[in-house]
Amino acid sequence: TQYNKARNRPGPKGTRQLDCIAETVNTTIYLTLLEDEHLLLYHQVA
C-alpha cells in the first residue's frame, strides 16, 4: 500500500489502494498499538 493515494485517487497500475473505511481501520490499529505500548499520555483511542 506504499503507493496509496489521497481521496481515492488512483495510484500506479497494479498497486493497492485504500478508501476511507480501510484507512479508518488501519489508523485505529496504529493508534491502538501506541496506546497499548503506553505512548499516548493525553489521549485514548475511541
ModelCIF file with pLDDT and N, C-alpha, C, O atoms, coordinates in Angstrom:
data_MODEL
#
_entry.id   MODEL 
#
_entity.id                         1 
_entity.type                       polymer 
_entity.pdbx_number_of_molecules   1 
#
_entity_poly.entity_id                      1 
_entity_poly.type                           'polypeptide(L)' 
_entity_poly.nstd_linkage                   no 
_entity_poly.nstd_monomer                   no 
_entity_poly.pdbx_seq_one_letter_code       TQYNKARNRPGPKGTRQLDCIAETVNTTIYLTLLEDEHLLLYHQVA 
_entity_poly.pdbx_seq_one_letter_code_can   TQYNKARNRPGPKGTRQLDCIAETVNTTIYLTLLEDEHLLLYHQVA 
_entity_poly.pdbx_strand_id                 A 
#
loop_
_entity_poly_seq.entity_id 
_entity_poly_seq.num 
_entity_poly_seq.mon_id 
_entity_poly_seq.hetero 
1 1  THR n 
1 2  GLN n 
1 3  TYR n 
1 4  ASN n 
1 5  LYS n 
1 6  ALA n 
1 7  ARG n 
1 8  ASN n 
1 9  ARG n 
1 10 PRO n 
1 11 GLY n 
1 12 PRO n 
1 13 LYS n 
1 14 GLY n 
1 15 THR n 
1 16 ARG n 
1 17 GLN n 
1 18 LEU n 
1 19 ASP n 
1 20 CYS n 
1 21 ILE n 
1 22 ALA n 
1 23 GLU n 
1 24 THR n 
1 25 VAL n 
1 26 ASN n 
1 27 THR n 
1 28 THR n 
1 29 ILE n 
1 30 TYR n 
1 31 LEU n 
1 32 THR n 
1 33 LEU n 
1 34 LEU n 
1 35 GLU n 
1 36 ASP n 
1 37 GLU n 
1 38 HIS n 
1 39 LEU n 
1 40 LEU n 
1 41 LEU n 
1 42 TYR n 
1 43 HIS n 
1 44 GLN n 
1 45 VAL n 
1 46 ALA n 
#
_struct_asym.id          A 
_struct_asym.entity_id   1 
#
loop_
_ma_qa_metric.id 
_ma_qa_metric.mode 
_ma_qa_metric.name 
_ma_qa_metric.software_group_id 
_ma_qa_metric.type 
1 global pLDDT . pLDDT 
2 local  pLDDT . pLDDT 
#
_ma_qa_metric_global.metric_id      1 
_ma_qa_metric_global.metric_value   95.41 
_ma_qa_metric_global.model_id       1 
_ma_qa_metric_global.ordinal_id     1 
#
loop_
_ma_qa_metric_local.label_asym_id 
_ma_qa_metric_local.label_comp_id 
_ma_qa_metric_local.label_seq_id 
_ma_qa_metric_local.metric_id 
_ma_qa_metric_local.metric_value 
_ma_qa_metric_local.model_id 
_ma_qa_metric_local.ordinal_id 
A THR 1  2 97.00 1 1  
A GLN 2  2 97.00 1 2  
A TYR 3  2 97.00 1 3  
A ASN 4  2 96.00 1 4  
A LYS 5  2 96.00 1 5  
A ALA 6  2 95.00 1 6  
A ARG 7  2 92.00 1 7  
A ASN 8  2 89.00 1 8  
A ARG 9  2 88.00 1 9  
A PRO 10 2 88.00 1 10 
A GLY 11 2 89.00 1 11 
A PRO 12 2 88.00 1 12 
A LYS 13 2 87.00 1 13 
A GLY 14 2 85.00 1 14 
A THR 15 2 90.00 1 15 
A ARG 16 2 95.00 1 16 
A GLN 17 2 95.00 1 17 
A LEU 18 2 96.00 1 18 
A ASP 19 2 96.00 1 19 
A CYS 20 2 96.00 1 20 
A ILE 21 2 96.00 1 21 
A ALA 22 2 97.00 1 22 
A GLU 23 2 98.00 1 23 
A THR 24 2 98.00 1 24 
A VAL 25 2 98.00 1 25 
A ASN 26 2 98.00 1 26 
A THR 27 2 98.00 1 27 
A THR 28 2 98.00 1 28 
A ILE 29 2 98.00 1 29 
A TYR 30 2 98.00 1 30 
A LEU 31 2 98.00 1 31 
A THR 32 2 98.00 1 32 
A LEU 33 2 98.00 1 33 
A LEU 34 2 98.00 1 34 
A GLU 35 2 98.00 1 35 
A ASP 36 2 98.00 1 36 
A GLU 37 2 97.00 1 37 
A HIS 38 2 97.00 1 38 
A LEU 39 2 98.00 1 39 
A LEU 40 2 97.00 1 40 
A LEU 41 2 96.00 1 41 
A TYR 42 2 97.00 1 42 
A HIS 43 2 98.00 1 43 
A GLN 44 2 97.00 1 44 
A VAL 45 2 98.00 1 45 
A ALA 46 2 97.00 1 46 
#
loop_
_atom_site.group_PDB 
_atom_site.id 
_atom_site.type_symbol 
_atom_site.label_atom_id 
_atom_site.label_alt_id 
_atom_site.label_comp_id 
_atom_site.label_asym_id 
_atom_site.label_entity_id 
_atom_site.label_seq_id 
_atom_site.pdbx_PDB_ins_code 
_atom_site.Cartn_x 
_atom_site.Cartn_y 
_atom_site.Cartn_z 
_atom_site.occupancy 
_atom_site.B_iso_or_equiv 
_atom_site.pdbx_formal_charge 
_atom_site.auth_seq_id 
_atom_site.auth_comp_id 
_atom_site.auth_asym_id 
_atom_site.auth_atom_id 
_atom_site.pdbx_PDB_model_num 
ATOM 1   N N  . THR A 1 1  ? 0.821   -1.221 0.000   1.00 97.00 ? 1  THR A N  1 
ATOM 2   C CA . THR A 1 1  ? 0.000   0.000  0.000   1.00 97.00 ? 1  THR A CA 1 
ATOM 3   C C  . THR A 1 1  ? 0.853   1.269  0.000   1.00 97.00 ? 1  THR A C  1 
ATOM 4   O O  . THR A 1 1  ? 0.349   2.356  0.283   1.00 97.00 ? 1  THR A O  1 
ATOM 5   N N  . GLN A 1 2  ? 2.139   1.133  -0.316  1.00 97.00 ? 2  GLN A N  1 
ATOM 6   C CA . GLN A 1 2  ? 3.007   2.304  -0.245  1.00 97.00 ? 2  GLN A CA 1 
ATOM 7   C C  . GLN A 1 2  ? 2.678   3.371  -1.287  1.00 97.00 ? 2  GLN A C  1 
ATOM 8   O O  . GLN A 1 2  ? 3.104   4.518  -1.149  1.00 97.00 ? 2  GLN A O  1 
ATOM 9   N N  . TYR A 1 3  ? 1.923   3.009  -2.331  1.00 97.00 ? 3  TYR A N  1 
ATOM 10  C CA . TYR A 1 3  ? 1.547   3.979  -3.361  1.00 97.00 ? 3  TYR A CA 1 
ATOM 11  C C  . TYR A 1 3  ? 0.098   4.431  -3.213  1.00 97.00 ? 3  TYR A C  1 
ATOM 12  O O  . TYR A 1 3  ? -0.464  5.032  -4.128  1.00 97.00 ? 3  TYR A O  1 
ATOM 13  N N  . ASN A 1 4  ? -0.497  4.147  -2.077  1.00 96.00 ? 4  ASN A N  1 
ATOM 14  C CA . ASN A 1 4  ? -1.873  4.581  -1.851  1.00 96.00 ? 4  ASN A CA 1 
ATOM 15  C C  . ASN A 1 4  ? -1.986  6.103  -1.956  1.00 96.00 ? 4  ASN A C  1 
ATOM 16  O O  . ASN A 1 4  ? -1.207  6.836  -1.346  1.00 96.00 ? 4  ASN A O  1 
ATOM 17  N N  . LYS A 1 5  ? -2.945  6.558  -2.721  1.00 96.00 ? 5  LYS A N  1 
ATOM 18  C CA . LYS A 1 5  ? -3.128  7.986  -2.973  1.00 96.00 ? 5  LYS A CA 1 
ATOM 19  C C  . LYS A 1 5  ? -4.267  8.557  -2.140  1.00 96.00 ? 5  LYS A C  1 
ATOM 20  O O  . LYS A 1 5  ? -5.155  7.836  -1.685  1.00 96.00 ? 5  LYS A O  1 
ATOM 21  N N  . ALA A 1 6  ? -4.216  9.863  -1.954  1.00 95.00 ? 6  ALA A N  1 
ATOM 22  C CA . ALA A 1 6  ? -5.237  10.560 -1.172  1.00 95.00 ? 6  ALA A CA 1 
ATOM 23  C C  . ALA A 1 6  ? -6.586  10.526 -1.869  1.00 95.00 ? 6  ALA A C  1 
ATOM 24  O O  . ALA A 1 6  ? -6.673  10.498 -3.097  1.00 95.00 ? 6  ALA A O  1 
ATOM 25  N N  . ARG A 1 7  ? -7.634  10.527 -1.059  1.00 92.00 ? 7  ARG A N  1 
ATOM 26  C CA . ARG A 1 7  ? -9.006  10.758 -1.511  1.00 92.00 ? 7  ARG A CA 1 
ATOM 27  C C  . ARG A 1 7  ? -9.461  9.805  -2.621  1.00 92.00 ? 7  ARG A C  1 
ATOM 28  O O  . ARG A 1 7  ? -10.171 10.219 -3.538  1.00 92.00 ? 7  ARG A O  1 
ATOM 29  N N  . ASN A 1 8  ? -9.068  8.563  -2.546  1.00 89.00 ? 8  ASN A N  1 
ATOM 30  C CA . ASN A 1 8  ? -9.466  7.551  -3.539  1.00 89.00 ? 8  ASN A CA 1 
ATOM 31  C C  . ASN A 1 8  ? -8.935  7.823  -4.931  1.00 89.00 ? 8  ASN A C  1 
ATOM 32  O O  . ASN A 1 8  ? -9.454  7.275  -5.904  1.00 89.00 ? 8  ASN A O  1 
ATOM 33  N N  . ARG A 1 9  ? -7.918  8.653  -5.050  1.00 88.00 ? 9  ARG A N  1 
ATOM 34  C CA . ARG A 1 9  ? -7.320  8.866  -6.370  1.00 88.00 ? 9  ARG A CA 1 
ATOM 35  C C  . ARG A 1 9  ? -6.558  7.620  -6.779  1.00 88.00 ? 9  ARG A C  1 
ATOM 36  O O  . ARG A 1 9  ? -5.945  6.972  -5.930  1.00 88.00 ? 9  ARG A O  1 
ATOM 37  N N  . PRO A 1 10 ? -6.578  7.268  -8.053  1.00 88.00 ? 10 PRO A N  1 
ATOM 38  C CA . PRO A 1 10 ? -5.897  6.040  -8.476  1.00 88.00 ? 10 PRO A CA 1 
ATOM 39  C C  . PRO A 1 10 ? -4.381  6.184  -8.400  1.00 88.00 ? 10 PRO A C  1 
ATOM 40  O O  . PRO A 1 10 ? -3.825  7.218  -8.766  1.00 88.00 ? 10 PRO A O  1 
ATOM 41  N N  . GLY A 1 11 ? -3.733  5.148  -7.926  1.00 89.00 ? 11 GLY A N  1 
ATOM 42  C CA . GLY A 1 11 ? -2.280  5.113  -7.899  1.00 89.00 ? 11 GLY A CA 1 
ATOM 43  C C  . GLY A 1 11 ? -1.757  4.413  -9.141  1.00 89.00 ? 11 GLY A C  1 
ATOM 44  O O  . GLY A 1 11 ? -2.521  4.177  -10.076 1.00 89.00 ? 11 GLY A O  1 
ATOM 45  N N  . PRO A 1 12 ? -0.469  4.073  -9.173  1.00 88.00 ? 12 PRO A N  1 
ATOM 46  C CA . PRO A 1 12 ? 0.090   3.349  -10.316 1.00 88.00 ? 12 PRO A CA 1 
ATOM 47  C C  . PRO A 1 12 ? -0.658  2.050  -10.571 1.00 88.00 ? 12 PRO A C  1 
ATOM 48  O O  . PRO A 1 12 ? -1.184  1.443  -9.637  1.00 88.00 ? 12 PRO A O  1 
ATOM 49  N N  . LYS A 1 13 ? -0.709  1.627  -11.800 1.00 87.00 ? 13 LYS A N  1 
ATOM 50  C CA . LYS A 1 13 ? -1.431  0.423  -12.174 1.00 87.00 ? 13 LYS A CA 1 
ATOM 51  C C  . LYS A 1 13 ? -0.913  -0.780 -11.389 1.00 87.00 ? 13 LYS A C  1 
ATOM 52  O O  . LYS A 1 13 ? 0.293   -0.998 -11.277 1.00 87.00 ? 13 LYS A O  1 
ATOM 53  N N  . GLY A 1 14 ? -1.848  -1.548 -10.852 1.00 85.00 ? 14 GLY A N  1 
ATOM 54  C CA . GLY A 1 14 ? -1.487  -2.754 -10.133 1.00 85.00 ? 14 GLY A CA 1 
ATOM 55  C C  . GLY A 1 14 ? -1.171  -2.560 -8.664  1.00 85.00 ? 14 GLY A C  1 
ATOM 56  O O  . GLY A 1 14 ? -0.844  -3.528 -7.977  1.00 85.00 ? 14 GLY A O  1 
ATOM 57  N N  . THR A 1 15 ? -1.260  -1.318 -8.153  1.00 90.00 ? 15 THR A N  1 
ATOM 58  C CA . THR A 1 15 ? -0.961  -1.072 -6.743  1.00 90.00 ? 15 THR A CA 1 
ATOM 59  C C  . THR A 1 15 ? -2.235  -1.162 -5.913  1.00 90.00 ? 15 THR A C  1 
ATOM 60  O O  . THR A 1 15 ? -3.346  -1.037 -6.430  1.00 90.00 ? 15 THR A O  1 
ATOM 61  N N  . ARG A 1 16 ? -2.051  -1.377 -4.633  1.00 95.00 ? 16 ARG A N  1 
ATOM 62  C CA . ARG A 1 16 ? -3.185  -1.496 -3.725  1.00 95.00 ? 16 ARG A CA 1 
ATOM 63  C C  . ARG A 1 16 ? -3.575  -0.125 -3.200  1.00 95.00 ? 16 ARG A C  1 
ATOM 64  O O  . ARG A 1 16 ? -2.738  0.625  -2.698  1.00 95.00 ? 16 ARG A O  1 
ATOM 65  N N  . GLN A 1 17 ? -4.855  0.190  -3.325  1.00 95.00 ? 17 GLN A N  1 
ATOM 66  C CA . GLN A 1 17 ? -5.365  1.482  -2.906  1.00 95.00 ? 17 GLN A CA 1 
ATOM 67  C C  . GLN A 1 17 ? -6.405  1.293  -1.801  1.00 95.00 ? 17 GLN A C  1 
ATOM 68  O O  . GLN A 1 17 ? -7.101  0.280  -1.752  1.00 95.00 ? 17 GLN A O  1 
ATOM 69  N N  . LEU A 1 18 ? -6.496  2.289  -0.916  1.00 96.00 ? 18 LEU A N  1 
ATOM 70  C CA . LEU A 1 18 ? -7.386  2.223  0.239   1.00 96.00 ? 18 LEU A CA 1 
ATOM 71  C C  . LEU A 1 18 ? -8.443  3.311  0.166   1.00 96.00 ? 18 LEU A C  1 
ATOM 72  O O  . LEU A 1 18 ? -8.180  4.409  -0.324  1.00 96.00 ? 18 LEU A O  1 
ATOM 73  N N  . ASP A 1 19 ? -9.637  3.008  0.652   1.00 96.00 ? 19 ASP A N  1 
ATOM 74  C CA . ASP A 1 19 ? -10.666 4.035  0.806   1.00 96.00 ? 19 ASP A CA 1 
ATOM 75  C C  . ASP A 1 19 ? -10.723 4.463  2.265   1.00 96.00 ? 19 ASP A C  1 
ATOM 76  O O  . ASP A 1 19 ? -9.881  4.055  3.065   1.00 96.00 ? 19 ASP A O  1 
ATOM 77  N N  . CYS A 1 20 ? -11.710 5.283  2.618   1.00 96.00 ? 20 CYS A N  1 
ATOM 78  C CA . CYS A 1 20 ? -11.758 5.813  3.982   1.00 96.00 ? 20 CYS A CA 1 
ATOM 79  C C  . CYS A 1 20 ? -12.062 4.739  5.020   1.00 96.00 ? 20 CYS A C  1 
ATOM 80  O O  . CYS A 1 20 ? -11.671 4.876  6.180   1.00 96.00 ? 20 CYS A O  1 
ATOM 81  N N  . ILE A 1 21 ? -12.756 3.668  4.620   1.00 96.00 ? 21 ILE A N  1 
ATOM 82  C CA . ILE A 1 21 ? -13.010 2.591  5.568   1.00 96.00 ? 21 ILE A CA 1 
ATOM 83  C C  . ILE A 1 21 ? -11.715 1.881  5.922   1.00 96.00 ? 21 ILE A C  1 
ATOM 84  O O  . ILE A 1 21 ? -11.400 1.697  7.097   1.00 96.00 ? 21 ILE A O  1 
ATOM 85  N N  . ALA A 1 22 ? -10.969 1.484  4.904   1.00 97.00 ? 22 ALA A N  1 
ATOM 86  C CA . ALA A 1 22 ? -9.689  0.817  5.144   1.00 97.00 ? 22 ALA A CA 1 
ATOM 87  C C  . ALA A 1 22 ? -8.737  1.721  5.917   1.00 97.00 ? 22 ALA A C  1 
ATOM 88  O O  . ALA A 1 22 ? -8.032  1.259  6.815   1.00 97.00 ? 22 ALA A O  1 
ATOM 89  N N  . GLU A 1 23 ? -8.714  3.003  5.574   1.00 98.00 ? 23 GLU A N  1 
ATOM 90  C CA . GLU A 1 23 ? -7.853  3.955  6.284   1.00 98.00 ? 23 GLU A CA 1 
ATOM 91  C C  . GLU A 1 23 ? -8.265  4.052  7.756   1.00 98.00 ? 23 GLU A C  1 
ATOM 92  O O  . GLU A 1 23 ? -7.415  4.121  8.643   1.00 98.00 ? 23 GLU A O  1 
ATOM 93  N N  . THR A 1 24 ? -9.553  4.056  7.998   1.00 98.00 ? 24 THR A N  1 
ATOM 94  C CA . THR A 1 24 ? -10.045 4.167  9.376   1.00 98.00 ? 24 THR A CA 1 
ATOM 95  C C  . THR A 1 24 ? -9.649  2.946  10.201  1.00 98.00 ? 24 THR A C  1 
ATOM 96  O O  . THR A 1 24 ? -9.197  3.080  11.339  1.00 98.00 ? 24 THR A O  1 
ATOM 97  N N  . VAL A 1 25 ? -9.817  1.766  9.632   1.00 98.00 ? 25 VAL A N  1 
ATOM 98  C CA . VAL A 1 25 ? -9.446  0.549  10.359  1.00 98.00 ? 25 VAL A CA 1 
ATOM 99  C C  . VAL A 1 25 ? -7.947  0.533  10.636  1.00 98.00 ? 25 VAL A C  1 
ATOM 100 O O  . VAL A 1 25 ? -7.526  0.276  11.764  1.00 98.00 ? 25 VAL A O  1 
ATOM 101 N N  . ASN A 1 26 ? -7.128  0.809  9.600   1.00 98.00 ? 26 ASN A N  1 
ATOM 102 C CA . ASN A 1 26 ? -5.679  0.770  9.782   1.00 98.00 ? 26 ASN A CA 1 
ATOM 103 C C  . ASN A 1 26 ? -5.209  1.812  10.790  1.00 98.00 ? 26 ASN A C  1 
ATOM 104 O O  . ASN A 1 26 ? -4.350  1.531  11.625  1.00 98.00 ? 26 ASN A O  1 
ATOM 105 N N  . THR A 1 27 ? -5.769  3.005  10.710  1.00 98.00 ? 27 THR A N  1 
ATOM 106 C CA . THR A 1 27 ? -5.356  4.054  11.644  1.00 98.00 ? 27 THR A CA 1 
ATOM 107 C C  . THR A 1 27 ? -5.731  3.690  13.072  1.00 98.00 ? 27 THR A C  1 
ATOM 108 O O  . THR A 1 27 ? -4.967  3.947  14.002  1.00 98.00 ? 27 THR A O  1 
ATOM 109 N N  . THR A 1 28 ? -6.908  3.091  13.249  1.00 98.00 ? 28 THR A N  1 
ATOM 110 C CA . THR A 1 28 ? -7.304  2.645  14.592  1.00 98.00 ? 28 THR A CA 1 
ATOM 111 C C  . THR A 1 28 ? -6.346  1.569  15.095  1.00 98.00 ? 28 THR A C  1 
ATOM 112 O O  . THR A 1 28 ? -6.038  1.528  16.286  1.00 98.00 ? 28 THR A O  1 
ATOM 113 N N  . ILE A 1 29 ? -5.877  0.711  14.218  1.00 98.00 ? 29 ILE A N  1 
ATOM 114 C CA . ILE A 1 29 ? -4.867  -0.288 14.583  1.00 98.00 ? 29 ILE A CA 1 
ATOM 115 C C  . ILE A 1 29 ? -3.594  0.399  15.069  1.00 98.00 ? 29 ILE A C  1 
ATOM 116 O O  . ILE A 1 29 ? -3.064  0.051  16.124  1.00 98.00 ? 29 ILE A O  1 
ATOM 117 N N  . TYR A 1 30 ? -3.103  1.368  14.308  1.00 98.00 ? 30 TYR A N  1 
ATOM 118 C CA . TYR A 1 30 ? -1.859  2.051  14.681  1.00 98.00 ? 30 TYR A CA 1 
ATOM 119 C C  . TYR A 1 30 ? -2.010  2.796  16.006  1.00 98.00 ? 30 TYR A C  1 
ATOM 120 O O  . TYR A 1 30 ? -1.121  2.760  16.856  1.00 98.00 ? 30 TYR A O  1 
ATOM 121 N N  . LEU A 1 31 ? -3.142  3.467  16.168  1.00 98.00 ? 31 LEU A N  1 
ATOM 122 C CA . LEU A 1 31 ? -3.373  4.189  17.422  1.00 98.00 ? 31 LEU A CA 1 
ATOM 123 C C  . LEU A 1 31 ? -3.465  3.228  18.604  1.00 98.00 ? 31 LEU A C  1 
ATOM 124 O O  . LEU A 1 31 ? -2.983  3.533  19.695  1.00 98.00 ? 31 LEU A O  1 
ATOM 125 N N  . THR A 1 32 ? -4.078  2.077  18.388  1.00 98.00 ? 32 THR A N  1 
ATOM 126 C CA . THR A 1 32 ? -4.180  1.082  19.456  1.00 98.00 ? 32 THR A CA 1 
ATOM 127 C C  . THR A 1 32 ? -2.803  0.568  19.858  1.00 98.00 ? 32 THR A C  1 
ATOM 128 O O  . THR A 1 32 ? -2.549  0.342  21.041  1.00 98.00 ? 32 THR A O  1 
ATOM 129 N N  . LEU A 1 33 ? -1.918  0.383  18.892  1.00 98.00 ? 33 LEU A N  1 
ATOM 130 C CA . LEU A 1 33 ? -0.548  -0.012 19.212  1.00 98.00 ? 33 LEU A CA 1 
ATOM 131 C C  . LEU A 1 33 ? 0.129   1.051  20.078  1.00 98.00 ? 33 LEU A C  1 
ATOM 132 O O  . LEU A 1 33 ? 0.800   0.723  21.056  1.00 98.00 ? 33 LEU A O  1 
ATOM 133 N N  . LEU A 1 34 ? -0.047  2.311  19.720  1.00 98.00 ? 34 LEU A N  1 
ATOM 134 C CA . LEU A 1 34 ? 0.544   3.396  20.516  1.00 98.00 ? 34 LEU A CA 1 
ATOM 135 C C  . LEU A 1 34 ? -0.017  3.380  21.937  1.00 98.00 ? 34 LEU A C  1 
ATOM 136 O O  . LEU A 1 34 ? 0.721   3.560  22.907  1.00 98.00 ? 34 LEU A O  1 
ATOM 137 N N  . GLU A 1 35 ? -1.317  3.163  22.050  1.00 98.00 ? 35 GLU A N  1 
ATOM 138 C CA . GLU A 1 35 ? -1.944  3.131  23.375  1.00 98.00 ? 35 GLU A CA 1 
ATOM 139 C C  . GLU A 1 35 ? -1.468  1.920  24.177  1.00 98.00 ? 35 GLU A C  1 
ATOM 140 O O  . GLU A 1 35 ? -1.147  2.041  25.359  1.00 98.00 ? 35 GLU A O  1 
ATOM 141 N N  . ASP A 1 36 ? -1.425  0.751  23.532  1.00 98.00 ? 36 ASP A N  1 
ATOM 142 C CA . ASP A 1 36 ? -1.015  -0.465 24.234  1.00 98.00 ? 36 ASP A CA 1 
ATOM 143 C C  . ASP A 1 36 ? 0.435   -0.391 24.711  1.00 98.00 ? 36 ASP A C  1 
ATOM 144 O O  . ASP A 1 36 ? 0.792   -0.987 25.727  1.00 98.00 ? 36 ASP A O  1 
ATOM 145 N N  . GLU A 1 37 ? 1.263   0.341  23.975  1.00 97.00 ? 37 GLU A N  1 
ATOM 146 C CA . GLU A 1 37 ? 2.680   0.479  24.332  1.00 97.00 ? 37 GLU A CA 1 
ATOM 147 C C  . GLU A 1 37 ? 2.922   1.702  25.222  1.00 97.00 ? 37 GLU A C  1 
ATOM 148 O O  . GLU A 1 37 ? 4.066   2.098  25.446  1.00 97.00 ? 37 GLU A O  1 
ATOM 149 N N  . HIS A 1 38 ? 1.838   2.292  25.725  1.00 97.00 ? 38 HIS A N  1 
ATOM 150 C CA . HIS A 1 38 ? 1.900   3.399  26.684  1.00 97.00 ? 38 HIS A CA 1 
ATOM 151 C C  . HIS A 1 38 ? 2.608   4.631  26.097  1.00 97.00 ? 38 HIS A C  1 
ATOM 152 O O  . HIS A 1 38 ? 3.348   5.332  26.787  1.00 97.00 ? 38 HIS A O  1 
ATOM 153 N N  . LEU A 1 39 ? 2.360   4.868  24.815  1.00 98.00 ? 39 LEU A N  1 
ATOM 154 C CA . LEU A 1 39 ? 2.953   6.024  24.141  1.00 98.00 ? 39 LEU A CA 1 
ATOM 155 C C  . LEU A 1 39 ? 1.979   7.189  24.029  1.00 98.00 ? 39 LEU A C  1 
ATOM 156 O O  . LEU A 1 39 ? 2.353   8.266  23.564  1.00 98.00 ? 39 LEU A O  1 
ATOM 157 N N  . LEU A 1 40 ? 0.736   6.987  24.448  1.00 97.00 ? 40 LEU A N  1 
ATOM 158 C CA . LEU A 1 40 ? -0.241  8.072  24.493  1.00 97.00 ? 40 LEU A CA 1 
ATOM 159 C C  . LEU A 1 40 ? -0.395  8.517  25.936  1.00 97.00 ? 40 LEU A C  1 
ATOM 160 O O  . LEU A 1 40 ? -0.829  7.741  26.788  1.00 97.00 ? 40 LEU A O  1 
ATOM 161 N N  . LEU A 1 41 ? -0.042  9.761  26.213  1.00 96.00 ? 41 LEU A N  1 
ATOM 162 C CA . LEU A 1 41 ? -0.101  10.284 27.570  1.00 96.00 ? 41 LEU A CA 1 
ATOM 163 C C  . LEU A 1 41 ? -1.387  11.050 27.843  1.00 96.00 ? 41 LEU A C  1 
ATOM 164 O O  . LEU A 1 41 ? -1.871  11.074 28.975  1.00 96.00 ? 41 LEU A O  1 
ATOM 165 N N  . TYR A 1 42 ? -1.941  11.677 26.809  1.00 97.00 ? 42 TYR A N  1 
ATOM 166 C CA . TYR A 1 42 ? -3.078  12.579 26.992  1.00 97.00 ? 42 TYR A CA 1 
ATOM 167 C C  . TYR A 1 42 ? -4.336  12.129 26.252  1.00 97.00 ? 42 TYR A C  1 
ATOM 168 O O  . TYR A 1 42 ? -5.360  12.810 26.309  1.00 97.00 ? 42 TYR A O  1 
ATOM 169 N N  . HIS A 1 43 ? -4.274  10.991 25.560  1.00 98.00 ? 43 HIS A N  1 
ATOM 170 C CA . HIS A 1 43 ? -5.402  10.565 24.738  1.00 98.00 ? 43 HIS A CA 1 
ATOM 171 C C  . HIS A 1 43 ? -5.655  9.072  24.886  1.00 98.00 ? 43 HIS A C  1 
ATOM 172 O O  . HIS A 1 43 ? -4.770  8.302  25.259  1.00 98.00 ? 43 HIS A O  1 
ATOM 173 N N  . GLN A 1 44 ? -6.907  8.682  24.577  1.00 97.00 ? 44 GLN A N  1 
ATOM 174 C CA . GLN A 1 44 ? -7.309  7.296  24.474  1.00 97.00 ? 44 GLN A CA 1 
ATOM 175 C C  . GLN A 1 44 ? -7.897  7.059  23.091  1.00 97.00 ? 44 GLN A C  1 
ATOM 176 O O  . GLN A 1 44 ? -8.433  7.979  22.473  1.00 97.00 ? 44 GLN A O  1 
ATOM 177 N N  . VAL A 1 45 ? -7.797  5.835  22.609  1.00 98.00 ? 45 VAL A N  1 
ATOM 178 C CA . VAL A 1 45 ? -8.362  5.500  21.309  1.00 98.00 ? 45 VAL A CA 1 
ATOM 179 C C  . VAL A 1 45 ? -9.850  5.227  21.469  1.00 98.00 ? 45 VAL A C  1 
ATOM 180 O O  . VAL A 1 45 ? -10.255 4.451  22.335  1.00 98.00 ? 45 VAL A O  1 
ATOM 181 N N  . ALA A 1 46 ? -10.654 5.856  20.645  1.00 97.00 ? 46 ALA A N  1 
ATOM 182 C CA . ALA A 1 46 ? -12.105 5.680  20.678  1.00 97.00 ? 46 ALA A CA 1 
ATOM 183 C C  . ALA A 1 46 ? -12.563 4.938  19.436  1.00 97.00 ? 46 ALA A C  1 
ATOM 184 O O  . ALA A 1 46 ? -13.757 4.687  19.271  1.00 97.00 ? 46 ALA A O  1 
#
